[in-house]
Amino acid sequence: MDGLILFAHGARDPRWAEPLERLRERVARSAPGPVGVAFLDIMQPDLPTAAAELVAAGCRGICVVPVFLGQGGHVRRDLAALLETVAARHPDVALRAVPAVGEDEAVIDALAAYSLAALAGDTDSRPDGH
């Protein structure tokens, strides 16, 4: 069985993670295996902990999806180092990471559509969403 980890930065405000949790729930509805979240900084679980949870659930493969707009230092350096840690702790698990979500053309198209809707006044532009 393969599992999936949505990997994001993290923030001090717990509400910051709400969209990531909604994404996790949507992905989990269709995923063939468990779907978890992990954070680089501040929030828990971190990537090694989230990976250990999937391994304990029986996953023999883990795909890590960086929920970042681009392939910056957090993805190139920090995620790479964390993946080495996970691989060393779980050598029998097939571990892979894909490019940051913001590198995908469909995601860029969705962000462009949202931006144009905002320009047209078709979105809720208040920071608190209320």
N, C-alpha and C. Protein backbone atom coordinates (compact mmCIF):
# COMPACT_ATOMS: atom_id res chain seq x y z
N MET A 1 0.84 -1.17 0.00
CA MET A 1 0.00 0.00 0.00
C MET A 1 0.89 1.25 0.00
N ASP A 2 0.49 2.25 -0.77
CA ASP A 2 1.20 3.52 -0.81
C ASP A 2 0.41 4.59 -0.07
N GLY A 3 1.13 5.50 0.54
CA GLY A 3 0.52 6.63 1.22
C GLY A 3 1.02 7.93 0.62
N LEU A 4 0.36 9.00 0.99
CA LEU A 4 0.66 10.32 0.46
C LEU A 4 0.80 11.29 1.62
N ILE A 5 1.80 12.17 1.53
CA ILE A 5 1.97 13.23 2.53
C ILE A 5 1.95 14.56 1.81
N LEU A 6 1.07 15.44 2.24
CA LEU A 6 1.03 16.82 1.77
C LEU A 6 1.96 17.61 2.69
N PHE A 7 3.03 18.14 2.14
CA PHE A 7 4.07 18.80 2.91
C PHE A 7 4.00 20.31 2.70
N ALA A 8 3.83 21.04 3.80
CA ALA A 8 3.69 22.50 3.73
C ALA A 8 4.60 23.16 4.76
N HIS A 9 4.68 24.47 4.70
CA HIS A 9 5.62 25.21 5.55
C HIS A 9 5.23 25.18 7.02
N GLY A 10 4.02 25.59 7.35
CA GLY A 10 3.60 25.73 8.75
C GLY A 10 3.59 27.20 9.13
N ALA A 11 2.85 27.52 10.19
CA ALA A 11 2.72 28.90 10.65
C ALA A 11 2.31 28.91 12.12
N ARG A 12 2.45 30.05 12.75
CA ARG A 12 2.06 30.17 14.16
C ARG A 12 0.55 30.13 14.35
N ASP A 13 -0.18 30.70 13.42
CA ASP A 13 -1.65 30.74 13.51
C ASP A 13 -2.21 29.39 13.07
N PRO A 14 -2.89 28.68 13.95
CA PRO A 14 -3.40 27.36 13.58
C PRO A 14 -4.40 27.39 12.42
N ARG A 15 -5.05 28.54 12.21
CA ARG A 15 -6.00 28.64 11.10
C ARG A 15 -5.30 28.54 9.75
N TRP A 16 -4.01 28.81 9.72
CA TRP A 16 -3.25 28.73 8.48
C TRP A 16 -3.35 27.33 7.86
N ALA A 17 -3.44 26.32 8.69
CA ALA A 17 -3.46 24.93 8.20
C ALA A 17 -4.84 24.47 7.73
N GLU A 18 -5.87 25.27 7.94
CA GLU A 18 -7.22 24.84 7.57
C GLU A 18 -7.36 24.48 6.09
N PRO A 19 -6.84 25.30 5.15
CA PRO A 19 -6.96 24.89 3.73
C PRO A 19 -6.20 23.60 3.43
N LEU A 20 -5.07 23.40 4.09
CA LEU A 20 -4.31 22.17 3.88
C LEU A 20 -5.12 20.96 4.37
N GLU A 21 -5.79 21.11 5.47
CA GLU A 21 -6.62 20.02 5.97
C GLU A 21 -7.80 19.75 5.03
N ARG A 22 -8.39 20.80 4.47
CA ARG A 22 -9.46 20.60 3.48
C ARG A 22 -8.91 19.87 2.25
N LEU A 23 -7.71 20.23 1.83
CA LEU A 23 -7.07 19.54 0.71
C LEU A 23 -6.84 18.07 1.07
N ARG A 24 -6.33 17.81 2.26
CA ARG A 24 -6.10 16.43 2.70
C ARG A 24 -7.40 15.63 2.65
N GLU A 25 -8.48 16.22 3.14
CA GLU A 25 -9.77 15.52 3.15
C GLU A 25 -10.24 15.20 1.73
N ARG A 26 -10.09 16.14 0.81
CA ARG A 26 -10.51 15.91 -0.58
C ARG A 26 -9.67 14.83 -1.23
N VAL A 27 -8.37 14.86 -1.01
CA VAL A 27 -7.51 13.85 -1.60
C VAL A 27 -7.82 12.48 -0.99
N ALA A 28 -8.03 12.44 0.32
CA ALA A 28 -8.27 11.17 1.01
C ALA A 28 -9.55 10.48 0.53
N ARG A 29 -10.51 11.25 0.05
CA ARG A 29 -11.76 10.64 -0.45
C ARG A 29 -11.51 9.71 -1.63
N SER A 30 -10.47 9.99 -2.41
CA SER A 30 -10.21 9.20 -3.62
C SER A 30 -8.91 8.42 -3.59
N ALA A 31 -8.04 8.71 -2.66
CA ALA A 31 -6.74 8.05 -2.61
C ALA A 31 -6.88 6.58 -2.21
N PRO A 32 -6.06 5.72 -2.80
CA PRO A 32 -6.13 4.30 -2.47
C PRO A 32 -5.50 3.95 -1.12
N GLY A 33 -4.73 4.88 -0.55
CA GLY A 33 -4.08 4.65 0.73
C GLY A 33 -4.22 5.86 1.63
N PRO A 34 -3.59 5.83 2.79
CA PRO A 34 -3.70 6.93 3.74
C PRO A 34 -3.08 8.22 3.21
N VAL A 35 -3.64 9.33 3.65
CA VAL A 35 -3.15 10.65 3.28
C VAL A 35 -2.89 11.44 4.55
N GLY A 36 -1.68 11.94 4.70
CA GLY A 36 -1.33 12.73 5.87
C GLY A 36 -0.81 14.10 5.48
N VAL A 37 -0.57 14.89 6.49
CA VAL A 37 0.06 16.20 6.29
C VAL A 37 1.32 16.24 7.13
N ALA A 38 2.25 17.08 6.70
CA ALA A 38 3.49 17.30 7.46
C ALA A 38 3.91 18.74 7.24
N PHE A 39 4.65 19.25 8.21
CA PHE A 39 5.05 20.65 8.17
C PHE A 39 6.57 20.77 8.32
N LEU A 40 7.10 21.76 7.63
CA LEU A 40 8.52 22.05 7.71
C LEU A 40 8.87 22.71 9.04
N ASP A 41 8.01 23.60 9.49
CA ASP A 41 8.36 24.45 10.62
C ASP A 41 7.12 24.75 11.46
N ILE A 42 7.31 24.94 12.73
CA ILE A 42 6.34 25.43 13.71
C ILE A 42 5.24 24.44 14.03
N MET A 43 4.54 23.91 13.02
CA MET A 43 3.41 23.01 13.25
C MET A 43 3.86 21.55 13.25
N GLN A 44 3.00 20.72 13.76
CA GLN A 44 3.25 19.28 13.82
C GLN A 44 2.14 18.55 13.08
N PRO A 45 2.44 17.39 12.52
CA PRO A 45 3.68 16.64 12.63
C PRO A 45 4.72 17.12 11.62
N ASP A 46 5.97 16.83 11.92
CA ASP A 46 7.02 17.07 10.94
C ASP A 46 7.04 15.89 9.97
N LEU A 47 7.85 15.98 8.93
CA LEU A 47 7.84 14.94 7.89
C LEU A 47 8.28 13.58 8.42
N PRO A 48 9.34 13.47 9.21
CA PRO A 48 9.70 12.14 9.73
C PRO A 48 8.58 11.50 10.57
N THR A 49 7.88 12.30 11.34
CA THR A 49 6.78 11.77 12.16
C THR A 49 5.63 11.31 11.28
N ALA A 50 5.25 12.15 10.31
CA ALA A 50 4.15 11.78 9.41
C ALA A 50 4.49 10.52 8.62
N ALA A 51 5.74 10.41 8.17
CA ALA A 51 6.15 9.22 7.44
C ALA A 51 6.10 7.99 8.33
N ALA A 52 6.55 8.11 9.56
CA ALA A 52 6.51 6.98 10.50
C ALA A 52 5.07 6.52 10.74
N GLU A 53 4.14 7.47 10.79
CA GLU A 53 2.73 7.11 10.96
C GLU A 53 2.22 6.30 9.77
N LEU A 54 2.61 6.70 8.56
CA LEU A 54 2.18 5.94 7.38
C LEU A 54 2.82 4.56 7.33
N VAL A 55 4.08 4.48 7.70
CA VAL A 55 4.76 3.17 7.74
C VAL A 55 4.06 2.27 8.77
N ALA A 56 3.73 2.83 9.93
CA ALA A 56 3.03 2.05 10.96
C ALA A 56 1.65 1.60 10.49
N ALA A 57 1.06 2.35 9.56
CA ALA A 57 -0.25 1.97 9.01
C ALA A 57 -0.12 0.94 7.89
N GLY A 58 1.12 0.56 7.56
CA GLY A 58 1.34 -0.48 6.57
C GLY A 58 1.79 0.00 5.20
N CYS A 59 2.12 1.26 5.05
CA CYS A 59 2.56 1.77 3.76
C CYS A 59 3.97 1.28 3.45
N ARG A 60 4.16 0.82 2.22
CA ARG A 60 5.48 0.40 1.76
C ARG A 60 6.04 1.41 0.76
N GLY A 61 5.21 2.39 0.40
CA GLY A 61 5.63 3.48 -0.46
C GLY A 61 5.00 4.77 0.03
N ILE A 62 5.73 5.87 -0.10
CA ILE A 62 5.22 7.17 0.32
C ILE A 62 5.58 8.20 -0.76
N CYS A 63 4.58 8.94 -1.18
CA CYS A 63 4.76 10.05 -2.12
C CYS A 63 4.58 11.35 -1.33
N VAL A 64 5.53 12.25 -1.44
CA VAL A 64 5.47 13.54 -0.75
C VAL A 64 5.17 14.62 -1.79
N VAL A 65 4.09 15.36 -1.53
CA VAL A 65 3.68 16.45 -2.41
C VAL A 65 3.95 17.77 -1.69
N PRO A 66 4.94 18.54 -2.14
CA PRO A 66 5.21 19.84 -1.52
C PRO A 66 4.13 20.85 -1.92
N VAL A 67 3.39 21.32 -0.94
CA VAL A 67 2.34 22.31 -1.20
C VAL A 67 2.98 23.69 -1.05
N PHE A 68 3.82 24.00 -2.02
CA PHE A 68 4.54 25.26 -2.13
C PHE A 68 4.31 25.78 -3.55
N LEU A 69 4.41 27.09 -3.73
CA LEU A 69 4.23 27.64 -5.07
C LEU A 69 5.39 27.34 -6.00
N GLY A 70 6.58 27.21 -5.48
CA GLY A 70 7.72 26.97 -6.34
C GLY A 70 8.77 26.11 -5.68
N GLN A 71 9.79 25.79 -6.45
CA GLN A 71 10.88 24.93 -6.02
C GLN A 71 11.99 25.77 -5.37
N GLY A 72 11.67 26.50 -4.32
CA GLY A 72 12.66 27.31 -3.63
C GLY A 72 13.50 26.49 -2.67
N GLY A 73 14.20 27.19 -1.80
CA GLY A 73 15.11 26.55 -0.87
C GLY A 73 14.45 25.55 0.06
N HIS A 74 13.22 25.82 0.47
CA HIS A 74 12.55 24.88 1.37
C HIS A 74 12.33 23.53 0.69
N VAL A 75 12.04 23.56 -0.60
CA VAL A 75 11.83 22.30 -1.32
C VAL A 75 13.17 21.70 -1.74
N ARG A 76 14.05 22.50 -2.28
CA ARG A 76 15.32 21.97 -2.78
C ARG A 76 16.25 21.50 -1.66
N ARG A 77 16.36 22.29 -0.62
CA ARG A 77 17.31 21.94 0.45
C ARG A 77 16.63 21.26 1.64
N ASP A 78 15.66 21.95 2.22
CA ASP A 78 15.07 21.45 3.46
C ASP A 78 14.31 20.13 3.27
N LEU A 79 13.48 20.08 2.23
CA LEU A 79 12.74 18.84 1.98
C LEU A 79 13.71 17.72 1.61
N ALA A 80 14.70 18.03 0.80
CA ALA A 80 15.68 17.00 0.42
C ALA A 80 16.36 16.40 1.66
N ALA A 81 16.73 17.25 2.60
CA ALA A 81 17.38 16.75 3.83
C ALA A 81 16.42 15.90 4.65
N LEU A 82 15.17 16.34 4.74
CA LEU A 82 14.17 15.56 5.49
C LEU A 82 13.91 14.21 4.83
N LEU A 83 13.89 14.19 3.51
CA LEU A 83 13.70 12.92 2.80
C LEU A 83 14.85 11.96 3.06
N GLU A 84 16.07 12.47 3.17
CA GLU A 84 17.22 11.63 3.52
C GLU A 84 17.04 11.03 4.90
N THR A 85 16.55 11.83 5.84
CA THR A 85 16.29 11.34 7.20
C THR A 85 15.26 10.23 7.18
N VAL A 86 14.15 10.46 6.46
CA VAL A 86 13.09 9.45 6.39
C VAL A 86 13.61 8.18 5.73
N ALA A 87 14.36 8.32 4.65
CA ALA A 87 14.90 7.15 3.95
C ALA A 87 15.83 6.35 4.86
N ALA A 88 16.63 7.02 5.67
CA ALA A 88 17.54 6.32 6.58
C ALA A 88 16.77 5.57 7.66
N ARG A 89 15.67 6.14 8.12
CA ARG A 89 14.86 5.49 9.17
C ARG A 89 14.01 4.36 8.63
N HIS A 90 13.65 4.44 7.35
CA HIS A 90 12.74 3.45 6.75
C HIS A 90 13.32 2.98 5.41
N PRO A 91 14.43 2.26 5.44
CA PRO A 91 15.11 1.89 4.19
C PRO A 91 14.29 0.97 3.29
N ASP A 92 13.30 0.28 3.82
CA ASP A 92 12.50 -0.63 3.02
C ASP A 92 11.28 0.03 2.39
N VAL A 93 11.13 1.34 2.60
CA VAL A 93 9.98 2.07 2.07
C VAL A 93 10.41 2.84 0.83
N ALA A 94 9.64 2.69 -0.25
CA ALA A 94 9.90 3.46 -1.48
C ALA A 94 9.40 4.88 -1.24
N LEU A 95 10.33 5.81 -1.26
CA LEU A 95 10.03 7.20 -0.93
C LEU A 95 10.31 8.07 -2.16
N ARG A 96 9.35 8.93 -2.49
CA ARG A 96 9.57 9.84 -3.60
C ARG A 96 8.85 11.16 -3.33
N ALA A 97 9.38 12.20 -3.93
CA ALA A 97 8.75 13.52 -3.85
C ALA A 97 8.55 14.03 -5.27
N VAL A 98 7.48 14.75 -5.46
CA VAL A 98 7.17 15.36 -6.75
C VAL A 98 7.48 16.85 -6.67
N PRO A 99 7.53 17.55 -7.80
CA PRO A 99 7.76 18.99 -7.75
C PRO A 99 6.66 19.72 -6.96
N ALA A 100 6.97 20.92 -6.53
CA ALA A 100 6.01 21.75 -5.79
C ALA A 100 4.73 21.92 -6.61
N VAL A 101 3.58 21.95 -5.93
CA VAL A 101 2.30 22.04 -6.63
C VAL A 101 2.23 23.26 -7.54
N GLY A 102 2.85 24.36 -7.14
CA GLY A 102 2.79 25.57 -7.93
C GLY A 102 3.54 25.49 -9.24
N GLU A 103 4.29 24.43 -9.46
CA GLU A 103 5.00 24.23 -10.72
C GLU A 103 4.09 23.58 -11.77
N ASP A 104 2.94 23.07 -11.35
CA ASP A 104 2.03 22.37 -12.25
C ASP A 104 1.17 23.37 -13.04
N GLU A 105 1.04 23.16 -14.33
CA GLU A 105 0.27 24.09 -15.18
C GLU A 105 -1.19 24.18 -14.76
N ALA A 106 -1.80 23.08 -14.32
CA ALA A 106 -3.20 23.13 -13.90
C ALA A 106 -3.37 24.00 -12.66
N VAL A 107 -2.39 23.96 -11.76
CA VAL A 107 -2.44 24.81 -10.57
C VAL A 107 -2.26 26.27 -10.97
N ILE A 108 -1.34 26.54 -11.88
CA ILE A 108 -1.14 27.91 -12.35
C ILE A 108 -2.42 28.41 -13.02
N ASP A 109 -3.08 27.55 -13.81
CA ASP A 109 -4.35 27.94 -14.44
C ASP A 109 -5.41 28.26 -13.39
N ALA A 110 -5.48 27.45 -12.33
CA ALA A 110 -6.46 27.70 -11.27
C ALA A 110 -6.17 29.01 -10.55
N LEU A 111 -4.90 29.29 -10.29
CA LEU A 111 -4.53 30.55 -9.64
C LEU A 111 -4.83 31.75 -10.54
N ALA A 112 -4.61 31.60 -11.84
CA ALA A 112 -4.92 32.67 -12.78
C ALA A 112 -6.43 32.93 -12.81
N ALA A 113 -7.22 31.85 -12.84
CA ALA A 113 -8.68 32.01 -12.84
C ALA A 113 -9.15 32.69 -11.56
N TYR A 114 -8.59 32.31 -10.44
CA TYR A 114 -8.95 32.94 -9.17
C TYR A 114 -8.58 34.43 -9.19
N SER A 115 -7.39 34.74 -9.69
CA SER A 115 -6.94 36.13 -9.74
C SER A 115 -7.84 36.97 -10.62
N LEU A 116 -8.23 36.43 -11.77
CA LEU A 116 -9.14 37.16 -12.66
C LEU A 116 -10.52 37.32 -12.04
N ALA A 117 -10.98 36.31 -11.31
CA ALA A 117 -12.26 36.43 -10.61
C ALA A 117 -12.17 37.51 -9.53
N ALA A 118 -11.03 37.57 -8.86
CA ALA A 118 -10.84 38.62 -7.85
C ALA A 118 -10.89 40.00 -8.48
N LEU A 119 -10.26 40.14 -9.64
CA LEU A 119 -10.27 41.41 -10.35
C LEU A 119 -11.70 41.81 -10.72
N ALA A 120 -12.51 40.82 -11.07
CA ALA A 120 -13.90 41.08 -11.44
C ALA A 120 -14.82 41.23 -10.22
N GLY A 121 -14.27 41.04 -9.02
CA GLY A 121 -15.08 41.15 -7.80
C GLY A 121 -15.88 39.91 -7.48
N ASP A 122 -15.49 38.78 -8.04
CA ASP A 122 -16.23 37.53 -7.84
C ASP A 122 -15.67 36.64 -6.75
N THR A 123 -14.84 37.19 -5.86
CA THR A 123 -14.30 36.41 -4.75
C THR A 123 -14.47 37.19 -3.47
N ASP A 124 -14.37 36.51 -2.36
CA ASP A 124 -14.39 37.16 -1.05
C ASP A 124 -12.98 37.65 -0.76
N SER A 125 -12.77 38.95 -0.77
CA SER A 125 -11.43 39.49 -0.62
C SER A 125 -11.07 39.85 0.79
N ARG A 126 -11.94 39.59 1.75
CA ARG A 126 -11.61 39.91 3.15
C ARG A 126 -10.64 38.90 3.71
N PRO A 127 -9.60 39.35 4.42
CA PRO A 127 -8.56 38.43 4.93
C PRO A 127 -9.11 37.33 5.83
N ASP A 128 -10.17 37.59 6.56
CA ASP A 128 -10.67 36.57 7.49
C ASP A 128 -11.69 35.64 6.82
N GLY A 129 -12.04 35.92 5.55
CA GLY A 129 -12.99 35.06 4.84
C GLY A 129 -14.43 35.21 5.29
N HIS A 130 -14.70 36.21 6.12
CA HIS A 130 -16.07 36.42 6.61
C HIS A 130 -16.60 37.77 6.20
